[in-house]
Amino acid sequence: MKKILGTAIVLSAFLFFSCNDAPEETNETTTAETETILGGGQSAVKDDESAKDVVKIAVGSADHSTLVAALKQADLVNSLSNAGPFTVFAPTNAAFDKVPKETLDDLMKDKNKSQLQDILQYHVYVGSLKIEMMEDGQTFNQVNGGNITITKKDGKVMVNNSATVITSIPASNGIIHVIDGVLLPPANK
């Protein structure tokens, strides 16, 4: 009886270890494969349950299609999809319509990408600035190194005395202040 029990244990151990030597099949995809499929970067992360980030909010807004196209052209989509927090002063399509069409078309050319990046980065502050935190005369250093100045008058908040904040939208990685003008960085930062 002891020989049979011993043989059974040895046979069981042999079968157990031989089954575990088989290569495992997985459904996991490597990071490189995922980036190839989705286009890579933080903006490619699919999440329909969490609050939207500043880029996803802009993409979902019919009033910001020009801004989204400019962000794509300037290769800033992934940067603004990261954790932040960011405060984005987001010009509407109507604000971009105030810019001469030739100027806007010229900025969207590959050869002018750095100039477009400079302008768009002038619309971004690293940190979350709620409207109630802004005071008349405050200046904030933007991503491009330039400063903006806040003016508060008659319940309105203006940026550089050229763009009025229309509304504010919280995002998962900061806040968007929709503005009615395009901010142009000073020539000498």
C-alpha atoms as a PDB file:
ATOM      1  CA  MET A   1       0.000   0.000   0.000  1.00  0.00           C
ATOM      2  CA  LYS A   2       2.865   2.349   0.811  1.00  0.00           C
ATOM      3  CA  LYS A   3       4.391   1.688  -2.636  1.00  0.00           C
ATOM      4  CA  ILE A   4       1.103   2.544  -4.386  1.00  0.00           C
ATOM      5  CA  LEU A   5       0.666   5.722  -2.348  1.00  0.00           C
ATOM      6  CA  GLY A   6       4.289   6.741  -2.999  1.00  0.00           C
ATOM      7  CA  THR A   7       3.915   6.077  -6.727  1.00  0.00           C
ATOM      8  CA  ALA A   8       0.700   8.122  -6.829  1.00  0.00           C
ATOM      9  CA  ILE A   9       2.403  11.079  -5.122  1.00  0.00           C
ATOM     10  CA  VAL A  10       5.380  10.959  -7.508  1.00  0.00           C
ATOM     11  CA  LEU A  11       3.053  10.681 -10.522  1.00  0.00           C
ATOM     12  CA  SER A  12       0.910  13.598  -9.264  1.00  0.00           C
ATOM     13  CA  ALA A  13       3.994  15.757  -8.739  1.00  0.00           C
ATOM     14  CA  PHE A  14       5.270  14.883 -12.223  1.00  0.00           C
ATOM     15  CA  LEU A  15       1.950  15.836 -13.835  1.00  0.00           C
ATOM     16  CA  PHE A  16       1.686  19.045 -11.797  1.00  0.00           C
ATOM     17  CA  PHE A  17       5.135  20.327 -12.768  1.00  0.00           C
ATOM     18  CA  SER A  18       4.904  19.255 -16.390  1.00  0.00           C
ATOM     19  CA  CYS A  19       1.629  21.160 -16.796  1.00  0.00           C
ATOM     20  CA  ASN A  20       3.152  24.313 -15.348  1.00  0.00           C
ATOM     21  CA  ASP A  21       6.018  24.266 -17.857  1.00  0.00           C
ATOM     22  CA  ALA A  22       3.666  25.011 -20.749  1.00  0.00           C
ATOM     23  CA  PRO A  23       3.891  28.568 -22.061  1.00  0.00           C
ATOM     24  CA  GLU A  24       1.121  30.791 -20.754  1.00  0.00           C
ATOM     25  CA  GLU A  25      -1.286  32.441 -23.143  1.00  0.00           C
ATOM     26  CA  THR A  26      -2.140  36.006 -22.202  1.00  0.00           C
ATOM     27  CA  ASN A  27      -4.304  38.743 -23.574  1.00  0.00           C
ATOM     28  CA  GLU A  28      -1.897  41.427 -22.357  1.00  0.00           C
ATOM     29  CA  THR A  29      -0.681  43.975 -24.867  1.00  0.00           C
ATOM     30  CA  THR A  30       2.687  45.620 -24.432  1.00  0.00           C
ATOM     31  CA  THR A  31       2.906  49.373 -23.950  1.00  0.00           C
ATOM     32  CA  ALA A  32       4.577  49.740 -27.350  1.00  0.00           C
ATOM     33  CA  GLU A  33       1.784  47.797 -29.054  1.00  0.00           C
ATOM     34  CA  THR A  34      -0.862  49.909 -27.299  1.00  0.00           C
ATOM     35  CA  GLU A  35       0.837  53.154 -28.329  1.00  0.00           C
ATOM     36  CA  THR A  36       1.012  51.905 -31.924  1.00  0.00           C
ATOM     37  CA  ILE A  37      -2.685  51.060 -31.917  1.00  0.00           C
ATOM     38  CA  LEU A  38      -3.910  54.204 -30.151  1.00  0.00           C
ATOM     39  CA  GLY A  39      -1.373  56.727 -31.369  1.00  0.00           C
ATOM     40  CA  GLY A  40       0.472  56.825 -28.042  1.00  0.00           C
ATOM     41  CA  GLY A  41       0.690  59.295 -25.242  1.00  0.00           C
ATOM     42  CA  GLN A  42      -1.577  60.260 -22.405  1.00  0.00           C
ATOM     43  CA  SER A  43      -4.290  61.556 -24.740  1.00  0.00           C
ATOM     44  CA  ALA A  44      -4.785  58.024 -26.091  1.00  0.00           C
ATOM     45  CA  VAL A  45      -5.891  56.644 -22.731  1.00  0.00           C
ATOM     46  CA  LYS A  46      -9.528  55.594 -23.009  1.00  0.00           C
ATOM     47  CA  ASP A  47     -11.542  56.332 -19.885  1.00  0.00           C
ATOM     48  CA  ASP A  48     -15.263  56.930 -20.162  1.00  0.00           C
ATOM     49  CA  GLU A  49     -15.881  56.924 -16.411  1.00  0.00           C
ATOM     50  CA  SER A  50     -13.556  59.569 -14.941  1.00  0.00           C
ATOM     51  CA  ALA A  51     -13.968  63.316 -15.283  1.00  0.00           C
ATOM     52  CA  LYS A  52     -12.586  64.610 -18.586  1.00  0.00           C
ATOM     53  CA  ASP A  53      -9.243  66.398 -18.800  1.00  0.00           C
ATOM     54  CA  VAL A  54      -8.841  69.836 -20.388  1.00  0.00           C
ATOM     55  CA  VAL A  55      -8.139  68.394 -23.842  1.00  0.00           C
ATOM     56  CA  LYS A  56     -11.118  66.022 -23.825  1.00  0.00           C
ATOM     57  CA  ILE A  57     -13.396  68.877 -22.745  1.00  0.00           C
ATOM     58  CA  ALA A  58     -12.103  71.047 -25.612  1.00  0.00           C
ATOM     59  CA  VAL A  59     -12.486  68.184 -28.091  1.00  0.00           C
ATOM     60  CA  GLY A  60     -16.110  67.768 -26.976  1.00  0.00           C
ATOM     61  CA  SER A  61     -16.893  71.464 -27.449  1.00  0.00           C
ATOM     62  CA  ALA A  62     -18.159  72.649 -30.823  1.00  0.00           C
ATOM     63  CA  ASP A  63     -16.933  76.152 -29.866  1.00  0.00           C
ATOM     64  CA  HIS A  64     -13.290  75.050 -29.587  1.00  0.00           C
ATOM     65  CA  SER A  65     -12.579  73.152 -32.823  1.00  0.00           C
ATOM     66  CA  THR A  66     -10.015  75.750 -33.964  1.00  0.00           C
ATOM     67  CA  LEU A  67      -8.209  75.523 -30.620  1.00  0.00           C
ATOM     68  CA  VAL A  68      -8.168  71.717 -30.812  1.00  0.00           C
ATOM     69  CA  ALA A  69      -6.772  71.830 -34.377  1.00  0.00           C
ATOM     70  CA  ALA A  70      -4.067  74.245 -33.222  1.00  0.00           C
ATOM     71  CA  LEU A  71      -3.182  72.040 -30.227  1.00  0.00           C
ATOM     72  CA  LYS A  72      -2.829  69.050 -32.560  1.00  0.00           C
ATOM     73  CA  GLN A  73      -0.688  71.015 -35.018  1.00  0.00           C
ATOM     74  CA  ALA A  74       1.540  72.255 -32.182  1.00  0.00           C
ATOM     75  CA  ASP A  75       1.924  68.733 -30.707  1.00  0.00           C
ATOM     76  CA  LEU A  76       0.552  69.885 -27.344  1.00  0.00           C
ATOM     77  CA  VAL A  77      -2.354  67.440 -26.947  1.00  0.00           C
ATOM     78  CA  ASN A  78      -0.401  64.898 -24.899  1.00  0.00           C
ATOM     79  CA  SER A  79       1.196  67.567 -22.717  1.00  0.00           C
ATOM     80  CA  LEU A  80      -2.185  69.015 -21.754  1.00  0.00           C
ATOM     81  CA  SER A  81      -3.621  65.526 -21.195  1.00  0.00           C
ATOM     82  CA  ASN A  82      -1.147  64.861 -18.378  1.00  0.00           C
ATOM     83  CA  ALA A  83      -1.935  65.189 -14.677  1.00  0.00           C
ATOM     84  CA  GLY A  84      -1.380  68.932 -14.428  1.00  0.00           C
ATOM     85  CA  PRO A  85      -2.967  70.810 -12.849  1.00  0.00           C
ATOM     86  CA  PHE A  86      -3.359  73.313 -15.660  1.00  0.00           C
ATOM     87  CA  THR A  87      -5.338  76.498 -16.061  1.00  0.00           C
ATOM     88  CA  VAL A  88      -6.149  76.905 -19.737  1.00  0.00           C
ATOM     89  CA  PHE A  89      -7.469  80.174 -21.115  1.00  0.00           C
ATOM     90  CA  ALA A  90      -9.333  78.694 -24.083  1.00  0.00           C
ATOM     91  CA  PRO A  91     -10.287  81.018 -26.942  1.00  0.00           C
ATOM     92  CA  THR A  92     -13.527  80.164 -28.718  1.00  0.00           C
ATOM     93  CA  ASN A  93     -13.816  79.741 -32.484  1.00  0.00           C
ATOM     94  CA  ALA A  94     -15.292  83.258 -32.576  1.00  0.00           C
ATOM     95  CA  ALA A  95     -12.146  84.545 -30.845  1.00  0.00           C
ATOM     96  CA  PHE A  96      -9.973  82.894 -33.491  1.00  0.00           C
ATOM     97  CA  ASP A  97     -12.217  84.428 -36.179  1.00  0.00           C
ATOM     98  CA  LYS A  98     -10.950  87.848 -35.028  1.00  0.00           C
ATOM     99  CA  VAL A  99      -7.428  86.829 -36.071  1.00  0.00           C
ATOM    100  CA  PRO A 100      -6.808  87.508 -39.782  1.00  0.00           C
ATOM    101  CA  LYS A 101      -7.328  84.266 -41.728  1.00  0.00           C
ATOM    102  CA  GLU A 102      -3.932  84.572 -43.444  1.00  0.00           C
ATOM    103  CA  THR A 103      -2.176  84.880 -40.092  1.00  0.00           C
ATOM    104  CA  LEU A 104      -3.975  81.848 -38.662  1.00  0.00           C
ATOM    105  CA  ASP A 105      -3.330  79.795 -41.803  1.00  0.00           C
ATOM    106  CA  ASP A 106       0.344  80.748 -41.676  1.00  0.00           C
ATOM    107  CA  LEU A 107       0.635  79.736 -37.990  1.00  0.00           C
ATOM    108  CA  MET A 108      -0.815  76.303 -38.804  1.00  0.00           C
ATOM    109  CA  LYS A 109       2.067  75.520 -41.191  1.00  0.00           C
ATOM    110  CA  ASP A 110       4.753  73.085 -40.024  1.00  0.00           C
ATOM    111  CA  LYS A 111       7.486  75.683 -40.468  1.00  0.00           C
ATOM    112  CA  ASN A 112       5.759  77.919 -37.862  1.00  0.00           C
ATOM    113  CA  LYS A 113       5.128  75.219 -35.240  1.00  0.00           C
ATOM    114  CA  SER A 114       7.395  76.857 -32.627  1.00  0.00           C
ATOM    115  CA  GLN A 115       5.573  80.186 -32.988  1.00  0.00           C
ATOM    116  CA  LEU A 116       2.193  78.425 -32.663  1.00  0.00           C
ATOM    117  CA  GLN A 117       3.451  76.560 -29.582  1.00  0.00           C
ATOM    118  CA  ASP A 118       4.589  79.849 -28.042  1.00  0.00           C
ATOM    119  CA  ILE A 119       1.148  81.419 -28.549  1.00  0.00           C
ATOM    120  CA  LEU A 120      -0.732  78.389 -27.240  1.00  0.00           C
ATOM    121  CA  GLN A 121       1.576  77.981 -24.232  1.00  0.00           C
ATOM    122  CA  TYR A 122       0.872  81.627 -23.411  1.00  0.00           C
ATOM    123  CA  HIS A 123      -2.708  80.473 -22.762  1.00  0.00           C
ATOM    124  CA  VAL A 124      -1.634  77.917 -20.116  1.00  0.00           C
ATOM    125  CA  TYR A 125      -0.702  78.344 -16.457  1.00  0.00           C
ATOM    126  CA  VAL A 126       0.685  75.428 -14.434  1.00  0.00           C
ATOM    127  CA  GLY A 127      -1.660  75.245 -11.454  1.00  0.00           C
ATOM    128  CA  SER A 128      -5.387  75.500 -10.964  1.00  0.00           C
ATOM    129  CA  LEU A 129      -6.599  79.107 -10.845  1.00  0.00           C
ATOM    130  CA  LYS A 130     -10.257  79.325  -9.984  1.00  0.00           C
ATOM    131  CA  ILE A 131     -11.979  82.543 -10.965  1.00  0.00           C
ATOM    132  CA  GLU A 132     -12.547  83.515  -7.310  1.00  0.00           C
ATOM    133  CA  MET A 133      -8.790  83.258  -6.709  1.00  0.00           C
ATOM    134  CA  MET A 134      -8.023  85.924  -9.303  1.00  0.00           C
ATOM    135  CA  GLU A 135      -7.552  89.489  -8.089  1.00  0.00           C
ATOM    136  CA  ASP A 136      -7.396  92.757  -9.983  1.00  0.00           C
ATOM    137  CA  GLY A 137      -3.805  93.485 -11.029  1.00  0.00           C
ATOM    138  CA  GLN A 138      -2.467  89.964 -10.448  1.00  0.00           C
ATOM    139  CA  THR A 139       0.073  88.617 -12.885  1.00  0.00           C
ATOM    140  CA  PHE A 140       0.652  84.966 -13.650  1.00  0.00           C
ATOM    141  CA  ASN A 141       3.631  83.368 -15.339  1.00  0.00           C
ATOM    142  CA  GLN A 142       2.506  81.252 -18.264  1.00  0.00           C
ATOM    143  CA  VAL A 143       4.083  78.073 -19.662  1.00  0.00           C
ATOM    144  CA  ASN A 144       5.882  79.984 -22.424  1.00  0.00           C
ATOM    145  CA  GLY A 145       7.588  82.261 -19.871  1.00  0.00           C
ATOM    146  CA  GLY A 146       5.422  85.320 -20.505  1.00  0.00           C
ATOM    147  CA  ASN A 147       3.105  86.932 -17.969  1.00  0.00           C
ATOM    148  CA  ILE A 148      -0.595  87.662 -18.153  1.00  0.00           C
ATOM    149  CA  THR A 149      -2.356  90.305 -16.082  1.00  0.00           C
ATOM    150  CA  ILE A 150      -5.819  89.932 -14.603  1.00  0.00           C
ATOM    151  CA  THR A 151      -8.291  92.805 -14.459  1.00  0.00           C
ATOM    152  CA  LYS A 152     -11.520  92.562 -12.467  1.00  0.00           C
ATOM    153  CA  LYS A 153     -14.130  95.205 -13.136  1.00  0.00           C
ATOM    154  CA  ASP A 154     -17.914  95.224 -12.788  1.00  0.00           C
ATOM    155  CA  GLY A 155     -17.976  91.495 -12.049  1.00  0.00           C
ATOM    156  CA  LYS A 156     -16.036  90.646 -15.198  1.00  0.00           C
ATOM    157  CA  VAL A 157     -12.598  89.062 -15.334  1.00  0.00           C
ATOM    158  CA  MET A 158     -10.341  90.110 -18.176  1.00  0.00           C
ATOM    159  CA  VAL A 159      -6.960  88.803 -19.240  1.00  0.00           C
ATOM    160  CA  ASN A 160      -4.475  91.410 -20.523  1.00  0.00           C
ATOM    161  CA  ASN A 161      -7.414  93.796 -21.015  1.00  0.00           C
ATOM    162  CA  SER A 162      -8.064  91.984 -24.291  1.00  0.00           C
ATOM    163  CA  ALA A 163     -10.052  88.834 -23.482  1.00  0.00           C
ATOM    164  CA  THR A 164     -12.988  88.376 -21.136  1.00  0.00           C
ATOM    165  CA  VAL A 165     -13.580  85.140 -19.253  1.00  0.00           C
ATOM    166  CA  ILE A 166     -16.983  83.920 -20.445  1.00  0.00           C
ATOM    167  CA  THR A 167     -17.269  80.828 -18.266  1.00  0.00           C
ATOM    168  CA  SER A 168     -15.123  78.392 -16.315  1.00  0.00           C
ATOM    169  CA  ILE A 169     -15.195  74.606 -16.621  1.00  0.00           C
ATOM    170  CA  PRO A 170     -13.541  72.301 -14.085  1.00  0.00           C
ATOM    171  CA  ALA A 171     -11.520  69.408 -15.518  1.00  0.00           C
ATOM    172  CA  SER A 172      -9.850  66.365 -14.032  1.00  0.00           C
ATOM    173  CA  ASN A 173      -6.445  67.986 -14.510  1.00  0.00           C
ATOM    174  CA  GLY A 174      -7.244  71.628 -13.870  1.00  0.00           C
ATOM    175  CA  ILE A 175      -9.670  74.228 -15.109  1.00  0.00           C
ATOM    176  CA  ILE A 176     -10.627  75.848 -18.403  1.00  0.00           C
ATOM    177  CA  HIS A 177     -11.535  79.525 -18.590  1.00  0.00           C
ATOM    178  CA  VAL A 178     -13.319  80.099 -21.886  1.00  0.00           C
ATOM    179  CA  ILE A 179     -12.268  83.480 -23.283  1.00  0.00           C
ATOM    180  CA  ASP A 180     -13.485  85.671 -26.132  1.00  0.00           C
ATOM    181  CA  GLY A 181     -10.060  86.669 -27.455  1.00  0.00           C
ATOM    182  CA  VAL A 182      -6.738  85.157 -28.464  1.00  0.00           C
ATOM    183  CA  LEU A 183      -3.866  86.155 -26.185  1.00  0.00           C
ATOM    184  CA  LEU A 184      -0.670  87.202 -27.927  1.00  0.00           C
ATOM    185  CA  PRO A 185       2.572  86.890 -25.986  1.00  0.00           C
ATOM    186  CA  PRO A 186       4.654  90.028 -25.586  1.00  0.00           C
ATOM    187  CA  ALA A 187       7.455  90.361 -28.126  1.00  0.00           C
ATOM    188  CA  ASN A 188      10.127  90.441 -25.420  1.00  0.00           C
ATOM    189  CA  LYS A 189       9.493  87.932 -22.660  1.00  0.00           C
END
